């Protein structure tokens, strides 16, 4: 599931299909979903994602190149150069950091937002939104079973809950934050691809299931508490790094 928000041209005219695709990808780049240096999905994957023709997708990529947002590398694909310079005051989570204190502070801020989002989702979600939350849990579980990366599935689970609040500002907040709200994504970026903590997909999956079950049970208090436990547990995981000795960090990575 991507961030696909068709825009309208000035004057109220309907945008072209290629403009819709370009605007959707641009929104993802500006939200931090794709960072400078990230590779965009392949052309067939974009065709499948948006449901438009190869010509439409190619025109969209050409428009993004013209805007200086992406570049094509022969034989490698299309890579993000970076978004237009935006207000630095809005960059809450998008900066790379190797400071445990930064990640902990970000998780604390997420508690203030996402605990209430879980409660509202339990009270307001539609059957379709509940199905999407459950689908994201099952997607995460499938990736764990296959030994594949779960970062995007993690992000999309939280996005599904934000959507289910039926308050668009929760979703807008997470879209702005982007997938780098997932601490391991940000930390791994500055650690040269190395995650300093042992794999924790299984416990995260259990935490996601508890949150989803509370939302589907229409129990706002239980949903809030499950989300709080999930995020507080994340804080504890990263605080544990501050007590490791260098030799212990090396052993954990191996």
Foldseek 3Di string as FASTA:
>chain_A
DFQQDQDADPVRHGDDLLSSLLVRVLLLQQLLQADFFDFDDALVVSCVVSVDDSVSPVSSVVVCVVVVQWDADPPPHIGGHGHDDDDPVLQQQNDFDQDLVSLLVLLVVVLVQQLQLLLLLLQAADPVLLVQLVVLLVVLVVCVVVVHDCLVSVLSNSLSSNVSSVPVVSNVSSSNNHSSNPVQVRNCVVVVNFRLAADDSVVLSVLSVQLSVCSVVSNSVSNSVSVNVNSVVVSVRSVVVVVDDPVRSVVRRD
